[in-house]
Every structure is written in structure tokens, then in C-alpha cells.
Amino acid sequence: MSKITILHNPRCSKSRNALAYLEEKGLELNVVKYLVDTPSKEELIKIIEMLNITPRQLMRTKEDIYKELNLKDAKSDEVLITAMIENPKLIERPIIIKDNKAVIARPLENIDKIL
């Protein structure tokens, strides 16, 4: 059985619920507190590819920093990816990764798609 990685924010109830859901299943977990241990540019690009979404779709567009940085007008994926690396609270959460697949656990049942 392969290890499952969760990009986790302990202050987020959705993230805590996803972690509890995975722990209840007795799975071997790699918990990454991404606000402290921010993914590299290469890691973030790989996650976006695994999710099969655009960088903007991975962003928390209601965060104040999104508005402050005027990211809604950003045309470049490079700008969005850099913004997420420099301001990891912009990254949607929680992200669950297994093998070469990933899901955003919103709703929680999305996790079952990769288990």
C-alpha cells in the first residue's frame, strides 16, 4: 500500500476533517503542513497537473491577499504559481495525494476517488 500525503492546515476545519477521515481508515500518512513547509514551484506544478486543473482553480480567491495582489487580473500561470509559493494561504486545501493522483477534499467524499 502506498503512503498518502495530505497538504494540511491544522487551523482549517475541512482540513482537520479530511485528516481524521484518513486516520479512521488506518492509512499510512505523510502530513505536510504546507503553510510552514510550502511546496516548491516544481512540486506545486506537479500537484496542479495531478489535479488536472489550472493554477487559478487551486487558489483561494476569497483570501484578502488574493485581492491585495490583484490576482484576478493576472493572465500568467507563472504569476499565480509564484503568488501561491510566496503566500501559501492562497492554496486551496486540503489536498490529498496518492501515487500520481490528487484531489481537493472538498467535499470530503472526493478522497474516496483516489483510495
N, C-alpha and C. Protein backbone atom coordinates (compact mmCIF):
# COMPACT_ATOMS: atom_id res chain seq x y z
N MET A 1 0.84 -1.18 0.00
CA MET A 1 0.00 0.00 0.00
C MET A 1 0.89 1.24 0.00
N SER A 2 0.57 2.21 -0.84
CA SER A 2 1.39 3.41 -0.93
C SER A 2 0.94 4.44 0.11
N LYS A 3 1.89 5.24 0.51
CA LYS A 3 1.64 6.28 1.50
C LYS A 3 0.80 7.38 0.87
N ILE A 4 -0.04 7.98 1.69
CA ILE A 4 -0.90 9.07 1.25
C ILE A 4 -0.37 10.35 1.87
N THR A 5 -0.30 11.39 1.06
CA THR A 5 0.14 12.70 1.54
C THR A 5 -1.07 13.61 1.63
N ILE A 6 -1.14 14.36 2.72
CA ILE A 6 -2.17 15.38 2.84
C ILE A 6 -1.48 16.72 3.07
N LEU A 7 -1.79 17.69 2.20
CA LEU A 7 -1.35 19.07 2.42
C LEU A 7 -2.38 19.67 3.37
N HIS A 8 -1.94 19.92 4.59
CA HIS A 8 -2.84 20.15 5.71
C HIS A 8 -2.61 21.51 6.37
N ASN A 9 -3.71 22.13 6.76
CA ASN A 9 -3.67 23.34 7.57
C ASN A 9 -4.46 23.03 8.84
N PRO A 10 -3.78 22.85 9.97
CA PRO A 10 -4.47 22.48 11.21
C PRO A 10 -5.54 23.47 11.66
N ARG A 11 -5.49 24.70 11.18
CA ARG A 11 -6.48 25.70 11.58
C ARG A 11 -7.76 25.63 10.75
N CYS A 12 -7.76 24.80 9.71
CA CYS A 12 -8.91 24.69 8.80
C CYS A 12 -9.75 23.47 9.17
N SER A 13 -11.04 23.67 9.42
CA SER A 13 -11.91 22.56 9.82
C SER A 13 -12.02 21.52 8.70
N LYS A 14 -12.06 21.94 7.46
CA LYS A 14 -12.14 20.98 6.34
C LYS A 14 -10.88 20.11 6.30
N SER A 15 -9.76 20.72 6.55
CA SER A 15 -8.50 20.01 6.55
C SER A 15 -8.43 19.04 7.73
N ARG A 16 -8.86 19.49 8.90
CA ARG A 16 -8.88 18.61 10.08
C ARG A 16 -9.82 17.43 9.85
N ASN A 17 -10.97 17.68 9.23
CA ASN A 17 -11.93 16.61 8.94
C ASN A 17 -11.34 15.60 7.97
N ALA A 18 -10.63 16.08 6.95
CA ALA A 18 -10.01 15.18 5.98
C ALA A 18 -8.93 14.33 6.65
N LEU A 19 -8.13 14.93 7.51
CA LEU A 19 -7.09 14.18 8.21
C LEU A 19 -7.73 13.10 9.10
N ALA A 20 -8.78 13.46 9.82
CA ALA A 20 -9.47 12.49 10.68
C ALA A 20 -10.06 11.36 9.85
N TYR A 21 -10.61 11.69 8.69
CA TYR A 21 -11.19 10.69 7.79
C TYR A 21 -10.13 9.68 7.35
N LEU A 22 -8.96 10.18 6.99
CA LEU A 22 -7.87 9.31 6.56
C LEU A 22 -7.34 8.48 7.74
N GLU A 23 -7.23 9.10 8.90
CA GLU A 23 -6.73 8.38 10.08
C GLU A 23 -7.69 7.25 10.49
N GLU A 24 -9.01 7.52 10.37
CA GLU A 24 -10.00 6.49 10.70
C GLU A 24 -9.85 5.26 9.82
N LYS A 25 -9.37 5.46 8.61
CA LYS A 25 -9.19 4.34 7.68
C LYS A 25 -7.88 3.59 7.96
N GLY A 26 -7.10 4.08 8.92
CA GLY A 26 -5.86 3.41 9.30
C GLY A 26 -4.78 3.47 8.23
N LEU A 27 -4.80 4.52 7.43
CA LEU A 27 -3.84 4.65 6.32
C LEU A 27 -2.52 5.24 6.80
N GLU A 28 -1.45 4.87 6.12
CA GLU A 28 -0.14 5.45 6.41
C GLU A 28 -0.10 6.84 5.77
N LEU A 29 0.12 7.86 6.61
CA LEU A 29 0.00 9.24 6.14
C LEU A 29 1.31 10.01 6.25
N ASN A 30 1.49 10.89 5.30
CA ASN A 30 2.54 11.90 5.33
C ASN A 30 1.81 13.24 5.42
N VAL A 31 1.81 13.84 6.60
CA VAL A 31 1.10 15.10 6.81
C VAL A 31 2.06 16.25 6.56
N VAL A 32 1.74 17.07 5.56
CA VAL A 32 2.57 18.23 5.21
C VAL A 32 1.81 19.49 5.60
N LYS A 33 2.33 20.20 6.58
CA LYS A 33 1.72 21.48 6.97
C LYS A 33 2.26 22.52 5.98
N TYR A 34 1.52 22.68 4.90
CA TYR A 34 2.02 23.43 3.75
C TYR A 34 2.21 24.92 4.01
N LEU A 35 1.63 25.45 5.08
CA LEU A 35 1.87 26.86 5.38
C LEU A 35 3.29 27.06 5.92
N VAL A 36 3.86 25.99 6.49
CA VAL A 36 5.22 26.02 7.01
C VAL A 36 6.18 25.40 6.01
N ASP A 37 5.80 24.25 5.48
CA ASP A 37 6.62 23.50 4.52
C ASP A 37 5.99 23.66 3.13
N THR A 38 6.14 24.84 2.57
CA THR A 38 5.49 25.20 1.30
C THR A 38 6.07 24.39 0.15
N PRO A 39 5.19 23.87 -0.73
CA PRO A 39 5.71 23.15 -1.89
C PRO A 39 6.60 24.05 -2.75
N SER A 40 7.59 23.43 -3.37
CA SER A 40 8.43 24.16 -4.32
C SER A 40 7.61 24.43 -5.58
N LYS A 41 8.16 25.24 -6.45
CA LYS A 41 7.49 25.53 -7.72
C LYS A 41 7.24 24.23 -8.48
N GLU A 42 8.24 23.36 -8.54
CA GLU A 42 8.10 22.09 -9.27
C GLU A 42 7.04 21.21 -8.63
N GLU A 43 7.03 21.15 -7.29
CA GLU A 43 6.03 20.34 -6.60
C GLU A 43 4.62 20.89 -6.84
N LEU A 44 4.47 22.20 -6.79
CA LEU A 44 3.16 22.81 -7.00
C LEU A 44 2.67 22.56 -8.42
N ILE A 45 3.55 22.67 -9.39
CA ILE A 45 3.16 22.40 -10.78
C ILE A 45 2.72 20.95 -10.92
N LYS A 46 3.44 20.03 -10.29
CA LYS A 46 3.08 18.61 -10.36
C LYS A 46 1.71 18.37 -9.71
N ILE A 47 1.46 19.01 -8.58
CA ILE A 47 0.16 18.88 -7.92
C ILE A 47 -0.95 19.39 -8.81
N ILE A 48 -0.74 20.52 -9.44
CA ILE A 48 -1.74 21.10 -10.36
C ILE A 48 -2.02 20.13 -11.50
N GLU A 49 -0.96 19.52 -12.02
CA GLU A 49 -1.12 18.53 -13.10
C GLU A 49 -1.88 17.30 -12.61
N MET A 50 -1.56 16.81 -11.42
CA MET A 50 -2.26 15.64 -10.87
C MET A 50 -3.74 15.94 -10.64
N LEU A 51 -4.02 17.16 -10.23
CA LEU A 51 -5.42 17.57 -10.01
C LEU A 51 -6.15 17.80 -11.32
N ASN A 52 -5.39 18.00 -12.40
CA ASN A 52 -5.94 18.28 -13.72
C ASN A 52 -6.80 19.56 -13.70
N ILE A 53 -6.21 20.59 -13.09
CA ILE A 53 -6.88 21.89 -13.01
C ILE A 53 -5.87 22.98 -13.38
N THR A 54 -6.35 24.21 -13.45
CA THR A 54 -5.48 25.34 -13.72
C THR A 54 -4.95 25.90 -12.39
N PRO A 55 -3.86 26.63 -12.41
CA PRO A 55 -3.38 27.26 -11.18
C PRO A 55 -4.46 28.10 -10.49
N ARG A 56 -5.24 28.83 -11.25
CA ARG A 56 -6.28 29.68 -10.64
C ARG A 56 -7.31 28.82 -9.91
N GLN A 57 -7.61 27.64 -10.44
CA GLN A 57 -8.59 26.77 -9.79
C GLN A 57 -8.07 26.22 -8.46
N LEU A 58 -6.78 26.28 -8.24
CA LEU A 58 -6.19 25.84 -6.98
C LEU A 58 -6.14 26.96 -5.95
N MET A 59 -6.51 28.16 -6.36
CA MET A 59 -6.37 29.32 -5.48
C MET A 59 -7.63 29.61 -4.68
N ARG A 60 -7.39 30.06 -3.46
CA ARG A 60 -8.46 30.54 -2.60
C ARG A 60 -8.69 32.02 -2.94
N THR A 61 -9.61 32.25 -3.86
CA THR A 61 -9.81 33.59 -4.42
C THR A 61 -10.51 34.56 -3.46
N LYS A 62 -11.01 34.05 -2.35
CA LYS A 62 -11.67 34.94 -1.38
C LYS A 62 -10.71 35.44 -0.30
N GLU A 63 -9.48 34.97 -0.33
CA GLU A 63 -8.48 35.44 0.64
C GLU A 63 -8.15 36.91 0.37
N ASP A 64 -7.93 37.67 1.43
CA ASP A 64 -7.59 39.09 1.29
C ASP A 64 -6.34 39.29 0.42
N ILE A 65 -5.36 38.41 0.60
CA ILE A 65 -4.10 38.57 -0.15
C ILE A 65 -4.34 38.43 -1.66
N TYR A 66 -5.32 37.63 -2.05
CA TYR A 66 -5.67 37.49 -3.47
C TYR A 66 -6.09 38.85 -4.03
N LYS A 67 -6.92 39.53 -3.26
CA LYS A 67 -7.40 40.86 -3.68
C LYS A 67 -6.27 41.89 -3.61
N GLU A 68 -5.49 41.84 -2.52
CA GLU A 68 -4.40 42.80 -2.34
C GLU A 68 -3.38 42.72 -3.47
N LEU A 69 -3.11 41.50 -3.94
CA LEU A 69 -2.15 41.30 -5.03
C LEU A 69 -2.78 41.47 -6.41
N ASN A 70 -4.09 41.77 -6.42
CA ASN A 70 -4.82 41.98 -7.67
C ASN A 70 -4.66 40.78 -8.62
N LEU A 71 -4.76 39.58 -8.06
CA LEU A 71 -4.51 38.37 -8.85
C LEU A 71 -5.64 38.04 -9.81
N LYS A 72 -6.82 38.62 -9.62
CA LYS A 72 -7.90 38.32 -10.57
C LYS A 72 -7.57 38.83 -11.96
N ASP A 73 -6.69 39.81 -12.04
CA ASP A 73 -6.28 40.34 -13.34
C ASP A 73 -5.03 39.67 -13.90
N ALA A 74 -4.44 38.76 -13.13
CA ALA A 74 -3.21 38.09 -13.59
C ALA A 74 -3.55 37.16 -14.75
N LYS A 75 -2.79 37.29 -15.82
CA LYS A 75 -3.03 36.48 -17.02
C LYS A 75 -2.12 35.27 -17.09
N SER A 76 -1.03 35.29 -16.34
CA SER A 76 0.00 34.28 -16.45
C SER A 76 -0.10 33.24 -15.34
N ASP A 77 -0.03 31.96 -15.72
CA ASP A 77 0.02 30.89 -14.72
C ASP A 77 1.25 31.05 -13.85
N GLU A 78 2.33 31.52 -14.43
CA GLU A 78 3.59 31.73 -13.69
C GLU A 78 3.38 32.70 -12.53
N VAL A 79 2.65 33.77 -12.78
CA VAL A 79 2.37 34.77 -11.73
C VAL A 79 1.55 34.13 -10.62
N LEU A 80 0.55 33.33 -10.98
CA LEU A 80 -0.32 32.69 -10.00
C LEU A 80 0.44 31.67 -9.16
N ILE A 81 1.28 30.87 -9.81
CA ILE A 81 2.07 29.86 -9.11
C ILE A 81 3.05 30.54 -8.14
N THR A 82 3.71 31.59 -8.61
CA THR A 82 4.63 32.33 -7.74
C THR A 82 3.89 32.92 -6.55
N ALA A 83 2.70 33.45 -6.77
CA ALA A 83 1.91 34.02 -5.68
C ALA A 83 1.56 32.96 -4.64
N MET A 84 1.24 31.73 -5.09
CA MET A 84 0.91 30.66 -4.15
C MET A 84 2.13 30.22 -3.34
N ILE A 85 3.29 30.21 -3.98
CA ILE A 85 4.51 29.82 -3.28
C ILE A 85 4.88 30.89 -2.24
N GLU A 86 4.75 32.14 -2.61
CA GLU A 86 5.09 33.24 -1.69
C GLU A 86 4.03 33.46 -0.62
N ASN A 87 2.79 33.03 -0.90
CA ASN A 87 1.66 33.22 0.01
C ASN A 87 0.86 31.91 0.06
N PRO A 88 1.37 30.89 0.74
CA PRO A 88 0.74 29.56 0.66
C PRO A 88 -0.69 29.51 1.18
N LYS A 89 -1.13 30.53 1.92
CA LYS A 89 -2.53 30.50 2.35
C LYS A 89 -3.48 30.64 1.15
N LEU A 90 -2.93 31.00 -0.02
CA LEU A 90 -3.73 31.07 -1.25
C LEU A 90 -4.06 29.68 -1.82
N ILE A 91 -3.34 28.66 -1.37
CA ILE A 91 -3.53 27.31 -1.90
C ILE A 91 -4.77 26.68 -1.27
N GLU A 92 -5.66 26.20 -2.13
CA GLU A 92 -6.87 25.52 -1.66
C GLU A 92 -6.48 24.30 -0.85
N ARG A 93 -7.29 23.95 0.10
CA ARG A 93 -6.97 22.83 0.97
C ARG A 93 -8.22 22.06 1.33
N PRO A 94 -8.06 20.89 1.83
CA PRO A 94 -6.86 20.06 1.88
C PRO A 94 -6.65 19.32 0.56
N ILE A 95 -5.41 19.07 0.23
CA ILE A 95 -5.07 18.31 -0.97
C ILE A 95 -4.57 16.95 -0.52
N ILE A 96 -5.14 15.91 -1.12
CA ILE A 96 -4.77 14.54 -0.80
C ILE A 96 -4.08 13.96 -2.04
N ILE A 97 -2.91 13.34 -1.82
CA ILE A 97 -2.12 12.81 -2.93
C ILE A 97 -1.82 11.34 -2.65
N LYS A 98 -2.07 10.52 -3.67
CA LYS A 98 -1.70 9.10 -3.60
C LYS A 98 -1.19 8.70 -4.98
N ASP A 99 0.00 8.11 -4.99
CA ASP A 99 0.65 7.74 -6.24
C ASP A 99 0.75 9.00 -7.11
N ASN A 100 0.23 8.96 -8.31
CA ASN A 100 0.27 10.14 -9.18
C ASN A 100 -1.11 10.76 -9.36
N LYS A 101 -1.94 10.63 -8.32
CA LYS A 101 -3.28 11.20 -8.36
C LYS A 101 -3.45 12.12 -7.17
N ALA A 102 -4.29 13.12 -7.34
CA ALA A 102 -4.56 14.05 -6.25
C ALA A 102 -6.00 14.53 -6.33
N VAL A 103 -6.55 14.90 -5.17
CA VAL A 103 -7.87 15.51 -5.11
C VAL A 103 -7.85 16.61 -4.05
N ILE A 104 -8.74 17.54 -4.22
CA ILE A 104 -9.02 18.52 -3.18
C ILE A 104 -10.19 17.94 -2.41
N ALA A 105 -10.04 17.75 -1.12
CA ALA A 105 -11.05 17.07 -0.31
C ALA A 105 -12.19 18.00 0.09
N ARG A 106 -12.78 18.62 -0.87
CA ARG A 106 -13.97 19.46 -0.72
C ARG A 106 -14.93 19.06 -1.83
N PRO A 107 -15.90 18.26 -1.58
CA PRO A 107 -16.30 17.69 -0.31
C PRO A 107 -15.39 16.52 0.10
N LEU A 108 -15.55 16.11 1.33
CA LEU A 108 -14.73 15.06 1.92
C LEU A 108 -14.75 13.77 1.10
N GLU A 109 -15.87 13.47 0.49
CA GLU A 109 -16.02 12.23 -0.29
C GLU A 109 -15.08 12.18 -1.48
N ASN A 110 -14.53 13.31 -1.90
CA ASN A 110 -13.57 13.31 -3.00
C ASN A 110 -12.36 12.41 -2.70
N ILE A 111 -12.07 12.24 -1.42
CA ILE A 111 -10.92 11.40 -1.04
C ILE A 111 -11.09 9.99 -1.57
N ASP A 112 -12.30 9.48 -1.54
CA ASP A 112 -12.54 8.10 -1.98
C ASP A 112 -12.18 7.87 -3.44
N LYS A 113 -12.12 8.93 -4.23
CA LYS A 113 -11.77 8.81 -5.65
C LYS A 113 -10.36 8.30 -5.87
N ILE A 114 -9.48 8.49 -4.88
CA ILE A 114 -8.08 8.05 -5.08
C ILE A 114 -7.65 6.95 -4.12
N LEU A 115 -8.54 6.52 -3.25
CA LEU A 115 -8.17 5.45 -2.30
C LEU A 115 -8.33 4.09 -2.93
